[in-house]
Amino acid sequence: MSEKTKYSDVELEEFRQIIENKLAIARREYAELKSYVSNSDGNDITDTSPTFKTLEEGASTLSKEASGQLAQRQMKFIQHLEAALVRVENKTYGICRKTGKLIPKERLRAVPHATLTVEAKETSKR
């Protein structure tokens, strides 16, 4: 029996659903982070007493910087998921970009934007 070289349309549809679900969650989380960083909800330190204002400003700045970094990471994740959807459309999804072999379904279910098999990823780290 020859080795399978690509996933069937039925399998690709399963992966599309997984990716779209993760994408919806990721976009929601990104919107929440972006809202916090931009302070669009209006809840800021301007309504607190001046005594604690300096401490709160410092903590607020640190928190917003951390949230900004999380938002950047979330946007990168969204971009990777969107690229995975393009690969599903092109029927190239699940093919390792280094070896050309199929990435195992278990890996794709856990990391739907993966473009390398675990083996290929490990050899690229060396």
PDB file of N, CA and C in Angstrom:
ATOM      1  N   MET A   1       0.845  -1.181   0.000  1.00  0.00           N
ATOM      2  CA  MET A   1       0.000   0.000   0.000  1.00  0.00           C
ATOM      3  C   MET A   1       0.889   1.243   0.000  1.00  0.00           C
ATOM      4  N   SER A   2       0.618   2.166  -0.912  1.00  0.00           N
ATOM      5  CA  SER A   2       1.438   3.372  -0.999  1.00  0.00           C
ATOM      6  C   SER A   2       1.064   4.361   0.103  1.00  0.00           C
ATOM      7  N   GLU A   3       2.039   5.186   0.456  1.00  0.00           N
ATOM      8  CA  GLU A   3       1.837   6.161   1.518  1.00  0.00           C
ATOM      9  C   GLU A   3       0.961   7.308   1.013  1.00  0.00           C
ATOM     10  N   LYS A   4       0.035   7.730   1.845  1.00  0.00           N
ATOM     11  CA  LYS A   4      -0.894   8.804   1.503  1.00  0.00           C
ATOM     12  C   LYS A   4      -0.120  10.123   1.377  1.00  0.00           C
ATOM     13  N   THR A   5      -0.416  10.925   0.340  1.00  0.00           N
ATOM     14  CA  THR A   5       0.332  12.164   0.119  1.00  0.00           C
ATOM     15  C   THR A   5      -0.459  13.433   0.422  1.00  0.00           C
ATOM     16  N   LYS A   6      -1.792  13.315   0.555  1.00  0.00           N
ATOM     17  CA  LYS A   6      -2.596  14.472   0.944  1.00  0.00           C
ATOM     18  C   LYS A   6      -3.884  14.003   1.598  1.00  0.00           C
ATOM     19  N   TYR A   7      -4.511  14.933   2.313  1.00  0.00           N
ATOM     20  CA  TYR A   7      -5.758  14.607   2.996  1.00  0.00           C
ATOM     21  C   TYR A   7      -6.944  14.724   2.040  1.00  0.00           C
ATOM     22  N   SER A   8      -7.960  13.904   2.286  1.00  0.00           N
ATOM     23  CA  SER A   8      -9.172  13.907   1.450  1.00  0.00           C
ATOM     24  C   SER A   8      -9.991  15.165   1.727  1.00  0.00           C
ATOM     25  N   ASP A   9     -10.968  15.427   0.876  1.00  0.00           N
ATOM     26  CA  ASP A   9     -11.844  16.582   1.057  1.00  0.00           C
ATOM     27  C   ASP A   9     -12.607  16.501   2.381  1.00  0.00           C
ATOM     28  N   VAL A  10     -13.012  15.311   2.767  1.00  0.00           N
ATOM     29  CA  VAL A  10     -13.729  15.120   4.036  1.00  0.00           C
ATOM     30  C   VAL A  10     -12.811  15.464   5.212  1.00  0.00           C
ATOM     31  N   GLU A  11     -11.576  14.987   5.148  1.00  0.00           N
ATOM     32  CA  GLU A  11     -10.611  15.285   6.213  1.00  0.00           C
ATOM     33  C   GLU A  11     -10.292  16.782   6.247  1.00  0.00           C
ATOM     34  N   LEU A  12     -10.139  17.392   5.078  1.00  0.00           N
ATOM     35  CA  LEU A  12      -9.861  18.827   5.009  1.00  0.00           C
ATOM     36  C   LEU A  12     -11.017  19.634   5.596  1.00  0.00           C
ATOM     37  N   GLU A  13     -12.240  19.170   5.390  1.00  0.00           N
ATOM     38  CA  GLU A  13     -13.403  19.860   5.954  1.00  0.00           C
ATOM     39  C   GLU A  13     -13.381  19.784   7.478  1.00  0.00           C
ATOM     40  N   GLU A  14     -12.979  18.640   8.018  1.00  0.00           N
ATOM     41  CA  GLU A  14     -12.848  18.511   9.478  1.00  0.00           C
ATOM     42  C   GLU A  14     -11.833  19.526   9.995  1.00  0.00           C
ATOM     43  N   PHE A  15     -10.699  19.630   9.321  1.00  0.00           N
ATOM     44  CA  PHE A  15      -9.670  20.576   9.742  1.00  0.00           C
ATOM     45  C   PHE A  15     -10.144  22.020   9.590  1.00  0.00           C
ATOM     46  N   ARG A  16     -10.913  22.294   8.523  1.00  0.00           N
ATOM     47  CA  ARG A  16     -11.444  23.648   8.332  1.00  0.00           C
ATOM     48  C   ARG A  16     -12.298  24.045   9.535  1.00  0.00           C
ATOM     49  N   GLN A  17     -13.144  23.121  10.003  1.00  0.00           N
ATOM     50  CA  GLN A  17     -14.002  23.409  11.157  1.00  0.00           C
ATOM     51  C   GLN A  17     -13.171  23.698  12.406  1.00  0.00           C
ATOM     52  N   ILE A  18     -12.148  22.903  12.622  1.00  0.00           N
ATOM     53  CA  ILE A  18     -11.264  23.104  13.781  1.00  0.00           C
ATOM     54  C   ILE A  18     -10.620  24.482  13.699  1.00  0.00           C
ATOM     55  N   ILE A  19     -10.093  24.804  12.524  1.00  0.00           N
ATOM     56  CA  ILE A  19      -9.406  26.087  12.339  1.00  0.00           C
ATOM     57  C   ILE A  19     -10.379  27.248  12.516  1.00  0.00           C
ATOM     58  N   GLU A  20     -11.547  27.154  11.916  1.00  0.00           N
ATOM     59  CA  GLU A  20     -12.528  28.245  12.033  1.00  0.00           C
ATOM     60  C   GLU A  20     -12.977  28.449  13.476  1.00  0.00           C
ATOM     61  N   ASN A  21     -13.136  27.374  14.229  1.00  0.00           N
ATOM     62  CA  ASN A  21     -13.494  27.497  15.649  1.00  0.00           C
ATOM     63  C   ASN A  21     -12.390  28.191  16.436  1.00  0.00           C
ATOM     64  N   LYS A  22     -11.152  27.762  16.211  1.00  0.00           N
ATOM     65  CA  LYS A  22     -10.024  28.393  16.913  1.00  0.00           C
ATOM     66  C   LYS A  22      -9.865  29.846  16.495  1.00  0.00           C
ATOM     67  N   LEU A  23     -10.121  30.124  15.237  1.00  0.00           N
ATOM     68  CA  LEU A  23     -10.017  31.478  14.719  1.00  0.00           C
ATOM     69  C   LEU A  23     -11.053  32.400  15.361  1.00  0.00           C
ATOM     70  N   ALA A  24     -12.261  31.926  15.525  1.00  0.00           N
ATOM     71  CA  ALA A  24     -13.312  32.721  16.168  1.00  0.00           C
ATOM     72  C   ALA A  24     -12.933  33.063  17.608  1.00  0.00           C
ATOM     73  N   ILE A  25     -12.421  32.080  18.330  1.00  0.00           N
ATOM     74  CA  ILE A  25     -11.997  32.299  19.718  1.00  0.00           C
ATOM     75  C   ILE A  25     -10.827  33.275  19.759  1.00  0.00           C
ATOM     76  N   ALA A  26      -9.857  33.080  18.878  1.00  0.00           N
ATOM     77  CA  ALA A  26      -8.672  33.933  18.844  1.00  0.00           C
ATOM     78  C   ALA A  26      -9.041  35.378  18.525  1.00  0.00           C
ATOM     79  N   ARG A  27      -9.964  35.581  17.606  1.00  0.00           N
ATOM     80  CA  ARG A  27     -10.390  36.945  17.253  1.00  0.00           C
ATOM     81  C   ARG A  27     -11.113  37.618  18.413  1.00  0.00           C
ATOM     82  N   ARG A  28     -11.921  36.855  19.130  1.00  0.00           N
ATOM     83  CA  ARG A  28     -12.614  37.391  20.308  1.00  0.00           C
ATOM     84  C   ARG A  28     -11.599  37.820  21.372  1.00  0.00           C
ATOM     85  N   GLU A  29     -10.626  36.944  21.631  1.00  0.00           N
ATOM     86  CA  GLU A  29      -9.609  37.258  22.635  1.00  0.00           C
ATOM     87  C   GLU A  29      -8.765  38.462  22.212  1.00  0.00           C
ATOM     88  N   TYR A  30      -8.455  38.539  20.918  1.00  0.00           N
ATOM     89  CA  TYR A  30      -7.689  39.679  20.411  1.00  0.00           C
ATOM     90  C   TYR A  30      -8.477  40.978  20.611  1.00  0.00           C
ATOM     91  N   ALA A  31      -9.755  40.959  20.316  1.00  0.00           N
ATOM     92  CA  ALA A  31     -10.596  42.147  20.483  1.00  0.00           C
ATOM     93  C   ALA A  31     -10.627  42.590  21.947  1.00  0.00           C
ATOM     94  N   GLU A  32     -10.696  41.630  22.865  1.00  0.00           N
ATOM     95  CA  GLU A  32     -10.690  41.959  24.292  1.00  0.00           C
ATOM     96  C   GLU A  32      -9.363  42.587  24.704  1.00  0.00           C
ATOM     97  N   LEU A  33      -8.261  42.002  24.244  1.00  0.00           N
ATOM     98  CA  LEU A  33      -6.935  42.549  24.571  1.00  0.00           C
ATOM     99  C   LEU A  33      -6.763  43.948  23.975  1.00  0.00           C
ATOM    100  N   LYS A  34      -7.181  44.100  22.750  1.00  0.00           N
ATOM    101  CA  LYS A  34      -7.059  45.395  22.069  1.00  0.00           C
ATOM    102  C   LYS A  34      -7.900  46.450  22.794  1.00  0.00           C
ATOM    103  N   SER A  35      -9.080  46.062  23.220  1.00  0.00           N
ATOM    104  CA  SER A  35      -9.953  46.971  23.953  1.00  0.00           C
ATOM    105  C   SER A  35      -9.300  47.400  25.269  1.00  0.00           C
ATOM    106  N   TYR A  36      -8.678  46.459  25.956  1.00  0.00           N
ATOM    107  CA  TYR A  36      -8.024  46.785  27.224  1.00  0.00           C
ATOM    108  C   TYR A  36      -6.847  47.723  26.999  1.00  0.00           C
ATOM    109  N   VAL A  37      -6.042  47.425  25.987  1.00  0.00           N
ATOM    110  CA  VAL A  37      -4.857  48.241  25.721  1.00  0.00           C
ATOM    111  C   VAL A  37      -5.248  49.655  25.307  1.00  0.00           C
ATOM    112  N   SER A  38      -6.284  49.768  24.487  1.00  0.00           N
ATOM    113  CA  SER A  38      -6.704  51.096  24.024  1.00  0.00           C
ATOM    114  C   SER A  38      -7.620  51.794  25.023  1.00  0.00           C
ATOM    115  N   ASN A  39      -7.996  51.090  26.073  1.00  0.00           N
ATOM    116  CA  ASN A  39      -8.845  51.614  27.139  1.00  0.00           C
ATOM    117  C   ASN A  39     -10.185  52.114  26.613  1.00  0.00           C
ATOM    118  N   SER A  40     -10.742  51.389  25.686  1.00  0.00           N
ATOM    119  CA  SER A  40     -11.999  51.824  25.078  1.00  0.00           C
ATOM    120  C   SER A  40     -13.201  51.661  26.006  1.00  0.00           C
ATOM    121  N   ASP A  41     -13.036  50.923  27.096  1.00  0.00           N
ATOM    122  CA  ASP A  41     -14.168  50.777  28.017  1.00  0.00           C
ATOM    123  C   ASP A  41     -14.268  51.945  28.993  1.00  0.00           C
ATOM    124  N   GLY A  42     -13.272  52.839  28.987  1.00  0.00           N
ATOM    125  CA  GLY A  42     -13.330  54.041  29.804  1.00  0.00           C
ATOM    126  C   GLY A  42     -12.984  53.853  31.262  1.00  0.00           C
ATOM    127  N   ASN A  43     -12.670  52.668  31.683  1.00  0.00           N
ATOM    128  CA  ASN A  43     -12.319  52.423  33.074  1.00  0.00           C
ATOM    129  C   ASN A  43     -10.825  52.630  33.247  1.00  0.00           C
ATOM    130  N   ASP A  44     -10.449  53.779  33.790  1.00  0.00           N
ATOM    131  CA  ASP A  44      -9.037  54.103  33.934  1.00  0.00           C
ATOM    132  C   ASP A  44      -8.782  54.609  35.343  1.00  0.00           C
ATOM    133  N   ILE A  45      -7.580  55.076  35.599  1.00  0.00           N
ATOM    134  CA  ILE A  45      -7.196  55.522  36.933  1.00  0.00           C
ATOM    135  C   ILE A  45      -7.604  56.961  37.205  1.00  0.00           C
ATOM    136  N   THR A  46      -8.236  57.624  36.245  1.00  0.00           N
ATOM    137  CA  THR A  46      -8.605  59.029  36.417  1.00  0.00           C
ATOM    138  C   THR A  46      -9.622  59.250  37.519  1.00  0.00           C
ATOM    139  N   ASP A  47     -10.310  58.224  37.945  1.00  0.00           N
ATOM    140  CA  ASP A  47     -11.337  58.379  38.972  1.00  0.00           C
ATOM    141  C   ASP A  47     -10.851  57.982  40.368  1.00  0.00           C
ATOM    142  N   THR A  48      -9.557  57.794  40.552  1.00  0.00           N
ATOM    143  CA  THR A  48      -9.036  57.408  41.860  1.00  0.00           C
ATOM    144  C   THR A  48      -8.379  58.603  42.533  1.00  0.00           C
ATOM    145  N   SER A  49      -8.136  58.459  43.815  1.00  0.00           N
ATOM    146  CA  SER A  49      -7.547  59.568  44.564  1.00  0.00           C
ATOM    147  C   SER A  49      -6.093  59.770  44.148  1.00  0.00           C
ATOM    148  N   PRO A  50      -5.579  61.003  44.232  1.00  0.00           N
ATOM    149  CA  PRO A  50      -4.212  61.310  43.813  1.00  0.00           C
ATOM    150  C   PRO A  50      -3.139  60.539  44.588  1.00  0.00           C
ATOM    151  N   THR A  51      -3.436  60.138  45.818  1.00  0.00           N
ATOM    152  CA  THR A  51      -2.463  59.441  46.647  1.00  0.00           C
ATOM    153  C   THR A  51      -1.997  58.148  45.986  1.00  0.00           C
ATOM    154  N   PHE A  52      -2.912  57.410  45.420  1.00  0.00           N
ATOM    155  CA  PHE A  52      -2.587  56.114  44.830  1.00  0.00           C
ATOM    156  C   PHE A  52      -2.382  56.188  43.328  1.00  0.00           C
ATOM    157  N   LYS A  53      -2.569  57.369  42.764  1.00  0.00           N
ATOM    158  CA  LYS A  53      -2.540  57.522  41.323  1.00  0.00           C
ATOM    159  C   LYS A  53      -1.187  57.115  40.723  1.00  0.00           C
ATOM    160  N   THR A  54      -0.095  57.509  41.328  1.00  0.00           N
ATOM    161  CA  THR A  54       1.221  57.196  40.789  1.00  0.00           C
ATOM    162  C   THR A  54       1.467  55.695  40.760  1.00  0.00           C
ATOM    163  N   LEU A  55       1.147  55.021  41.840  1.00  0.00           N
ATOM    164  CA  LEU A  55       1.322  53.576  41.884  1.00  0.00           C
ATOM    165  C   LEU A  55       0.414  52.890  40.872  1.00  0.00           C
ATOM    166  N   GLU A  56      -0.799  53.351  40.791  1.00  0.00           N
ATOM    167  CA  GLU A  56      -1.745  52.742  39.861  1.00  0.00           C
ATOM    168  C   GLU A  56      -1.334  52.984  38.408  1.00  0.00           C
ATOM    169  N   GLU A  57      -0.797  54.177  38.123  1.00  0.00           N
ATOM    170  CA  GLU A  57      -0.351  54.464  36.761  1.00  0.00           C
ATOM    171  C   GLU A  57       0.767  53.511  36.344  1.00  0.00           C
ATOM    172  N   GLY A  58       1.708  53.272  37.263  1.00  0.00           N
ATOM    173  CA  GLY A  58       2.813  52.351  36.968  1.00  0.00           C
ATOM    174  C   GLY A  58       2.312  50.942  36.726  1.00  0.00           C
ATOM    175  N   ALA A  59       1.436  50.475  37.596  1.00  0.00           N
ATOM    176  CA  ALA A  59       0.879  49.128  37.443  1.00  0.00           C
ATOM    177  C   ALA A  59       0.041  49.039  36.180  1.00  0.00           C
ATOM    178  N   SER A  60      -0.713  50.092  35.899  1.00  0.00           N
ATOM    179  CA  SER A  60      -1.555  50.108  34.704  1.00  0.00           C
ATOM    180  C   SER A  60      -0.698  50.067  33.441  1.00  0.00           C
ATOM    181  N   THR A  61       0.405  50.810  33.435  1.00  0.00           N
ATOM    182  CA  THR A  61       1.298  50.832  32.274  1.00  0.00           C
ATOM    183  C   THR A  61       1.908  49.458  32.039  1.00  0.00           C
ATOM    184  N   LEU A  62       2.385  48.830  33.112  1.00  0.00           N
ATOM    185  CA  LEU A  62       2.967  47.490  32.978  1.00  0.00           C
ATOM    186  C   LEU A  62       1.940  46.492  32.465  1.00  0.00           C
ATOM    187  N   SER A  63       0.745  46.589  33.013  1.00  0.00           N
ATOM    188  CA  SER A  63      -0.312  45.670  32.610  1.00  0.00           C
ATOM    189  C   SER A  63      -0.679  45.875  31.138  1.00  0.00           C
ATOM    190  N   LYS A  64      -0.746  47.129  30.717  1.00  0.00           N
ATOM    191  CA  LYS A  64      -1.085  47.411  29.320  1.00  0.00           C
ATOM    192  C   LYS A  64       0.029  46.967  28.378  1.00  0.00           C
ATOM    193  N   GLU A  65       1.280  47.110  28.802  1.00  0.00           N
ATOM    194  CA  GLU A  65       2.394  46.635  27.971  1.00  0.00           C
ATOM    195  C   GLU A  65       2.325  45.119  27.798  1.00  0.00           C
ATOM    196  N   ALA A  66       2.056  44.420  28.887  1.00  0.00           N
ATOM    197  CA  ALA A  66       1.933  42.958  28.813  1.00  0.00           C
ATOM    198  C   ALA A  66       0.758  42.569  27.923  1.00  0.00           C
ATOM    199  N   SER A  67      -0.346  43.269  28.068  1.00  0.00           N
ATOM    200  CA  SER A  67      -1.516  42.980  27.235  1.00  0.00           C
ATOM    201  C   SER A  67      -1.237  43.299  25.775  1.00  0.00           C
ATOM    202  N   GLY A  68      -0.466  44.339  25.532  1.00  0.00           N
ATOM    203  CA  GLY A  68      -0.083  44.680  24.163  1.00  0.00           C
ATOM    204  C   GLY A  68       0.741  43.574  23.528  1.00  0.00           C
ATOM    205  N   GLN A  69       1.665  43.014  24.301  1.00  0.00           N
ATOM    206  CA  GLN A  69       2.471  41.898  23.795  1.00  0.00           C
ATOM    207  C   GLN A  69       1.600  40.672  23.531  1.00  0.00           C
ATOM    208  N   LEU A  70       0.668  40.417  24.433  1.00  0.00           N
ATOM    209  CA  LEU A  70      -0.259  39.293  24.225  1.00  0.00           C
ATOM    210  C   LEU A  70      -1.104  39.516  22.974  1.00  0.00           C
ATOM    211  N   ALA A  71      -1.531  40.754  22.765  1.00  0.00           N
ATOM    212  CA  ALA A  71      -2.331  41.074  21.584  1.00  0.00           C
ATOM    213  C   ALA A  71      -1.521  40.833  20.310  1.00  0.00           C
ATOM    214  N   GLN A  72      -0.244  41.204  20.323  1.00  0.00           N
ATOM    215  CA  GLN A  72       0.617  40.965  19.159  1.00  0.00           C
ATOM    216  C   GLN A  72       0.756  39.477  18.881  1.00  0.00           C
ATOM    217  N   ARG A  73       0.962  38.704  19.930  1.00  0.00           N
ATOM    218  CA  ARG A  73       1.070  37.246  19.767  1.00  0.00           C
ATOM    219  C   ARG A  73      -0.237  36.661  19.243  1.00  0.00           C
ATOM    220  N   GLN A  74      -1.345  37.181  19.748  1.00  0.00           N
ATOM    221  CA  GLN A  74      -2.658  36.691  19.317  1.00  0.00           C
ATOM    222  C   GLN A  74      -2.876  37.013  17.835  1.00  0.00           C
ATOM    223  N   MET A  75      -2.464  38.197  17.395  1.00  0.00           N
ATOM    224  CA  MET A  75      -2.614  38.566  15.985  1.00  0.00           C
ATOM    225  C   MET A  75      -1.760  37.654  15.105  1.00  0.00           C
ATOM    226  N   LYS A  76      -0.576  37.332  15.565  1.00  0.00           N
ATOM    227  CA  LYS A  76       0.292  36.412  14.810  1.00  0.00           C
ATOM    228  C   LYS A  76      -0.375  35.032  14.700  1.00  0.00           C
ATOM    229  N   PHE A  77      -0.979  34.574  15.789  1.00  0.00           N
ATOM    230  CA  PHE A  77      -1.693  33.298  15.802  1.00  0.00           C
ATOM    231  C   PHE A  77      -2.849  33.329  14.803  1.00  0.00           C
ATOM    232  N   ILE A  78      -3.583  34.435  14.795  1.00  0.00           N
ATOM    233  CA  ILE A  78      -4.699  34.604  13.853  1.00  0.00           C
ATOM    234  C   ILE A  78      -4.192  34.521  12.416  1.00  0.00           C
ATOM    235  N   GLN A  79      -3.081  35.174  12.137  1.00  0.00           N
ATOM    236  CA  GLN A  79      -2.505  35.147  10.787  1.00  0.00           C
ATOM    237  C   GLN A  79      -2.094  33.728  10.387  1.00  0.00           C
ATOM    238  N   HIS A  80      -1.531  32.984  11.332  1.00  0.00           N
ATOM    239  CA  HIS A  80      -1.151  31.589  11.055  1.00  0.00           C
ATOM    240  C   HIS A  80      -2.391  30.737  10.765  1.00  0.00           C
ATOM    241  N   LEU A  81      -3.460  30.957  11.526  1.00  0.00           N
ATOM    242  CA  LEU A  81      -4.704  30.211  11.293  1.00  0.00           C
ATOM    243  C   LEU A  81      -5.315  30.573   9.941  1.00  0.00           C
ATOM    244  N   GLU A  82      -5.277  31.855   9.601  1.00  0.00           N
ATOM    245  CA  GLU A  82      -5.808  32.273   8.297  1.00  0.00           C
ATOM    246  C   GLU A  82      -5.000  31.658   7.154  1.00  0.00           C
ATOM    247  N   ALA A  83      -3.684  31.575   7.327  1.00  0.00           N
ATOM    248  CA  ALA A  83      -2.836  30.935   6.314  1.00  0.00           C
ATOM    249  C   ALA A  83      -3.165  29.448   6.199  1.00  0.00           C
ATOM    250  N   ALA A  84      -3.493  28.823   7.335  1.00  0.00           N
ATOM    251  CA  ALA A  84      -3.878  27.410   7.313  1.00  0.00           C
ATOM    252  C   ALA A  84      -5.176  27.220   6.523  1.00  0.00           C
ATOM    253  N   LEU A  85      -6.107  28.160   6.660  1.00  0.00           N
ATOM    254  CA  LEU A  85      -7.354  28.082   5.878  1.00  0.00           C
ATOM    255  C   LEU A  85      -7.070  28.184   4.372  1.00  0.00           C
ATOM    256  N   VAL A  86      -6.110  29.005   4.007  1.00  0.00           N
ATOM    257  CA  VAL A  86      -5.725  29.107   2.589  1.00  0.00           C
ATOM    258  C   VAL A  86      -5.168  27.776   2.106  1.00  0.00           C
ATOM    259  N   ARG A  87      -4.359  27.140   2.956  1.00  0.00           N
ATOM    260  CA  ARG A  87      -3.796  25.826   2.579  1.00  0.00           C
ATOM    261  C   ARG A  87      -4.906  24.783   2.455  1.00  0.00           C
ATOM    262  N   VAL A  88      -5.933  24.876   3.278  1.00  0.00           N
ATOM    263  CA  VAL A  88      -7.084  23.964   3.152  1.00  0.00           C
ATOM    264  C   VAL A  88      -7.739  24.195   1.793  1.00  0.00           C
ATOM    265  N   GLU A  89      -7.963  25.450   1.436  1.00  0.00           N
ATOM    266  CA  GLU A  89      -8.575  25.788   0.141  1.00  0.00           C
ATOM    267  C   GLU A  89      -7.739  25.261  -1.021  1.00  0.00           C
ATOM    268  N   ASN A  90      -6.415  25.377  -0.894  1.00  0.00           N
ATOM    269  CA  ASN A  90      -5.498  24.927  -1.953  1.00  0.00           C
ATOM    270  C   ASN A  90      -5.244  23.417  -1.920  1.00  0.00           C
ATOM    271  N   LYS A  91      -5.810  22.777  -0.908  1.00  0.00           N
ATOM    272  CA  LYS A  91      -5.631  21.326  -0.698  1.00  0.00           C
ATOM    273  C   LYS A  91      -4.167  20.934  -0.472  1.00  0.00           C
ATOM    274  N   THR A  92      -3.415  21.863   0.122  1.00  0.00           N
ATOM    275  CA  THR A  92      -2.028  21.580   0.495  1.00  0.00           C
ATOM    276  C   THR A  92      -1.885  21.501   2.011  1.00  0.00           C
ATOM    277  N   TYR A  93      -3.012  21.611   2.714  1.00  0.00           N
ATOM    278  CA  TYR A  93      -2.997  21.594   4.175  1.00  0.00           C
ATOM    279  C   TYR A  93      -2.518  20.241   4.684  1.00  0.00           C
ATOM    280  N   GLY A  94      -1.680  20.282   5.719  1.00  0.00           N
ATOM    281  CA  GLY A  94      -1.239  19.059   6.375  1.00  0.00           C
ATOM    282  C   GLY A  94      -0.016  18.421   5.747  1.00  0.00           C
ATOM    283  N   ILE A  95       0.562  19.073   4.756  1.00  0.00           N
ATOM    284  CA  ILE A  95       1.765  18.546   4.120  1.00  0.00           C
ATOM    285  C   ILE A  95       2.962  19.307   4.690  1.00  0.00           C
ATOM    286  N   CYS A  96       3.912  18.568   5.231  1.00  0.00           N
ATOM    287  CA  CYS A  96       5.102  19.170   5.840  1.00  0.00           C
ATOM    288  C   CYS A  96       5.871  19.955   4.773  1.00  0.00           C
ATOM    289  N   ARG A  97       6.185  21.197   5.068  1.00  0.00           N
ATOM    290  CA  ARG A  97       6.873  22.026   4.084  1.00  0.00           C
ATOM    291  C   ARG A  97       8.345  21.664   3.946  1.00  0.00           C
ATOM    292  N   LYS A  98       8.849  20.850   4.857  1.00  0.00           N
ATOM    293  CA  LYS A  98      10.254  20.453   4.793  1.00  0.00           C
ATOM    294  C   LYS A  98      10.421  19.069   4.156  1.00  0.00           C
ATOM    295  N   THR A  99       9.587  18.125   4.555  1.00  0.00           N
ATOM    296  CA  THR A  99       9.752  16.741   4.084  1.00  0.00           C
ATOM    297  C   THR A  99       8.767  16.354   2.988  1.00  0.00           C
ATOM    298  N   GLY A 100       7.648  17.081   2.884  1.00  0.00           N
ATOM    299  CA  GLY A 100       6.622  16.730   1.908  1.00  0.00           C
ATOM    300  C   GLY A 100       5.708  15.607   2.367  1.00  0.00           C
ATOM    301  N   LYS A 101       5.941  15.096   3.569  1.00  0.00           N
ATOM    302  CA  LYS A 101       5.095  14.027   4.116  1.00  0.00           C
ATOM    303  C   LYS A 101       3.890  14.635   4.831  1.00  0.00           C
ATOM    304  N   LEU A 102       2.878  13.798   5.047  1.00  0.00           N
ATOM    305  CA  LEU A 102       1.700  14.266   5.773  1.00  0.00           C
ATOM    306  C   LEU A 102       2.010  14.451   7.251  1.00  0.00           C
ATOM    307  N   ILE A 103       1.527  15.552   7.779  1.00  0.00           N
ATOM    308  CA  ILE A 103       1.627  15.802   9.215  1.00  0.00           C
ATOM    309  C   ILE A 103       0.517  14.969   9.857  1.00  0.00           C
ATOM    310  N   PRO A 104       0.820  14.210  10.904  1.00  0.00           N
ATOM    311  CA  PRO A 104      -0.207  13.359  11.529  1.00  0.00           C
ATOM    312  C   PRO A 104      -1.432  14.168  11.986  1.00  0.00           C
ATOM    313  N   LYS A 105      -2.591  13.541  11.851  1.00  0.00           N
ATOM    314  CA  LYS A 105      -3.855  14.190  12.233  1.00  0.00           C
ATOM    315  C   LYS A 105      -3.845  14.665  13.681  1.00  0.00           C
ATOM    316  N   GLU A 106      -3.256  13.867  14.568  1.00  0.00           N
ATOM    317  CA  GLU A 106      -3.230  14.227  15.987  1.00  0.00           C
ATOM    318  C   GLU A 106      -2.512  15.566  16.173  1.00  0.00           C
ATOM    319  N   ARG A 107      -1.416  15.757  15.462  1.00  0.00           N
ATOM    320  CA  ARG A 107      -0.667  17.013  15.567  1.00  0.00           C
ATOM    321  C   ARG A 107      -1.501  18.170  15.023  1.00  0.00           C
ATOM    322  N   LEU A 108      -2.159  17.962  13.894  1.00  0.00           N
ATOM    323  CA  LEU A 108      -2.954  19.026  13.292  1.00  0.00           C
ATOM    324  C   LEU A 108      -4.169  19.377  14.140  1.00  0.00           C
ATOM    325  N   ARG A 109      -4.705  18.406  14.825  1.00  0.00           N
ATOM    326  CA  ARG A 109      -5.842  18.699  15.714  1.00  0.00           C
ATOM    327  C   ARG A 109      -5.381  19.533  16.907  1.00  0.00           C
ATOM    328  N   ALA A 110      -4.165  19.263  17.385  1.00  0.00           N
ATOM    329  CA  ALA A 110      -3.623  20.008  18.523  1.00  0.00           C
ATOM    330  C   ALA A 110      -3.065  21.366  18.098  1.00  0.00           C
ATOM    331  N   VAL A 111      -2.397  21.396  16.938  1.00  0.00           N
ATOM    332  CA  VAL A 111      -1.771  22.614  16.424  1.00  0.00           C
ATOM    333  C   VAL A 111      -2.214  22.772  14.972  1.00  0.00           C
ATOM    334  N   PRO A 112      -3.411  23.303  14.745  1.00  0.00           N
ATOM    335  CA  PRO A 112      -3.966  23.305  13.392  1.00  0.00           C
ATOM    336  C   PRO A 112      -3.215  24.163  12.381  1.00  0.00           C
ATOM    337  N   HIS A 113      -2.337  25.028  12.843  1.00  0.00           N
ATOM    338  CA  HIS A 113      -1.567  25.857  11.921  1.00  0.00           C
ATOM    339  C   HIS A 113      -0.161  25.293  11.659  1.00  0.00           C
ATOM    340  N   ALA A 114       0.093  24.067  12.124  1.00  0.00           N
ATOM    341  CA  ALA A 114       1.412  23.454  11.951  1.00  0.00           C
ATOM    342  C   ALA A 114       1.739  23.278  10.471  1.00  0.00           C
ATOM    343  N   THR A 115       3.000  23.529  10.133  1.00  0.00           N
ATOM    344  CA  THR A 115       3.462  23.335   8.758  1.00  0.00           C
ATOM    345  C   THR A 115       4.614  22.339   8.691  1.00  0.00           C
ATOM    346  N   LEU A 116       5.009  21.826   9.850  1.00  0.00           N
ATOM    347  CA  LEU A 116       6.105  20.857   9.924  1.00  0.00           C
ATOM    348  C   LEU A 116       5.681  19.651  10.765  1.00  0.00           C
ATOM    349  N   THR A 117       6.204  18.492  10.417  1.00  0.00           N
ATOM    350  CA  THR A 117       6.042  17.338  11.296  1.00  0.00           C
ATOM    351  C   THR A 117       6.910  17.575  12.529  1.00  0.00           C
ATOM    352  N   VAL A 118       6.664  16.842  13.588  1.00  0.00           N
ATOM    353  CA  VAL A 118       7.466  16.986  14.794  1.00  0.00           C
ATOM    354  C   VAL A 118       8.934  16.691  14.489  1.00  0.00           C
ATOM    355  N   GLU A 119       9.172  15.661  13.702  1.00  0.00           N
ATOM    356  CA  GLU A 119      10.553  15.280  13.351  1.00  0.00           C
ATOM    357  C   GLU A 119      11.253  16.412  12.605  1.00  0.00           C
ATOM    358  N   ALA A 120      10.579  16.997  11.635  1.00  0.00           N
ATOM    359  CA  ALA A 120      11.176  18.084  10.856  1.00  0.00           C
ATOM    360  C   ALA A 120      11.442  19.301  11.742  1.00  0.00           C
ATOM    361  N   LYS A 121      10.548  19.567  12.657  1.00  0.00           N
ATOM    362  CA  LYS A 121      10.719  20.703  13.572  1.00  0.00           C
ATOM    363  C   LYS A 121      11.914  20.471  14.482  1.00  0.00           C
ATOM    364  N   GLU A 122      12.056  19.240  14.985  1.00  0.00           N
ATOM    365  CA  GLU A 122      13.173  18.932  15.868  1.00  0.00           C
ATOM    366  C   GLU A 122      14.506  19.028  15.140  1.00  0.00           C
ATOM    367  N   THR A 123      14.576  18.576  13.893  1.00  0.00           N
ATOM    368  CA  THR A 123      15.840  18.659  13.151  1.00  0.00           C
ATOM    369  C   THR A 123      16.172  20.100  12.778  1.00  0.00           C
ATOM    370  N   SER A 124      15.170  20.957  12.624  1.00  0.00           N
ATOM    371  CA  SER A 124      15.451  22.346  12.293  1.00  0.00           C
ATOM    372  C   SER A 124      15.966  23.133  13.500  1.00  0.00           C
ATOM    373  N   LYS A 125      15.716  22.629  14.710  1.00  0.00           N
ATOM    374  CA  LYS A 125      16.205  23.291  15.927  1.00  0.00           C
ATOM    375  C   LYS A 125      17.682  23.032  16.179  1.00  0.00           C
ATOM    376  N   ARG A 126      18.206  21.991  15.604  1.00  0.00           N
ATOM    377  CA  ARG A 126      19.604  21.625  15.872  1.00  0.00           C
ATOM    378  C   ARG A 126      20.577  22.517  15.171  1.00  0.00           C
TER     379      ARG A 126
END
